[in-house]
Amino acid sequence: MKTRLSRDRPAGRFITSLFIQELTVADLAFVVTTVAIFALVALIARGVTKL
């Protein structure tokens, strides 16, 4: 028995859209974390050179 949701939007397309959105958010979080780590290392290096 098909529900109204399955007639309006194919389940595979809906799941794929959510999956791609989750991957995009994960990629963005990875990039932001990587940039933050490099910025922290740069600040530490600058502080060490002043000693």
Protein backbone atom coordinates (compact mmCIF):
# COMPACT_ATOMS: atom_id res chain seq x y z
CA MET A 1 0.00 0.00 0.00
CA LYS A 2 1.44 3.36 -1.04
CA THR A 3 1.19 6.39 1.14
CA ARG A 4 0.61 9.90 -0.12
CA LEU A 5 4.25 10.80 0.52
CA SER A 6 5.52 8.02 -1.72
CA ARG A 7 3.23 9.18 -4.55
CA ASP A 8 4.27 12.84 -4.26
CA ARG A 9 8.00 12.37 -3.88
CA PRO A 10 10.05 9.25 -4.60
CA ALA A 11 11.65 7.97 -1.41
CA GLY A 12 15.04 7.44 -3.04
CA ARG A 13 15.30 11.04 -4.19
CA PHE A 14 14.32 12.35 -0.76
CA ILE A 15 16.87 10.18 1.03
CA THR A 16 19.59 11.10 -1.47
CA SER A 17 18.86 14.80 -0.97
CA LEU A 18 19.16 14.48 2.81
CA PHE A 19 22.32 12.38 2.48
CA ILE A 20 23.98 14.97 0.22
CA GLN A 21 23.00 17.76 2.60
CA GLU A 22 24.55 15.86 5.53
CA LEU A 23 27.75 15.32 3.56
CA THR A 24 27.91 19.03 2.71
CA VAL A 25 27.55 19.99 6.36
CA ALA A 26 30.22 17.44 7.33
CA ASP A 27 32.59 18.83 4.69
CA LEU A 28 32.00 22.38 5.88
CA ALA A 29 32.64 21.36 9.51
CA PHE A 30 35.88 19.66 8.47
CA VAL A 31 37.11 22.74 6.60
CA VAL A 32 36.23 25.10 9.46
CA THR A 33 37.94 22.82 12.00
CA THR A 34 41.06 22.53 9.84
CA VAL A 35 41.32 26.31 9.41
CA ALA A 36 40.83 26.81 13.16
CA ILE A 37 43.60 24.32 13.95
CA PHE A 38 46.02 26.00 11.55
CA ALA A 39 45.18 29.40 13.03
CA LEU A 40 45.83 28.08 16.53
CA VAL A 41 49.16 26.58 15.45
CA ALA A 42 50.13 29.91 13.84
CA LEU A 43 49.31 31.78 17.06
CA ILE A 44 51.34 29.30 19.11
CA ALA A 45 54.27 29.60 16.72
CA ARG A 46 54.13 33.38 16.91
CA GLY A 47 54.09 33.22 20.71
CA VAL A 48 57.05 30.81 20.79
CA THR A 49 59.15 33.06 18.53
CA LYS A 50 58.64 35.98 20.93
CA LEU A 51 60.09 34.03 23.85
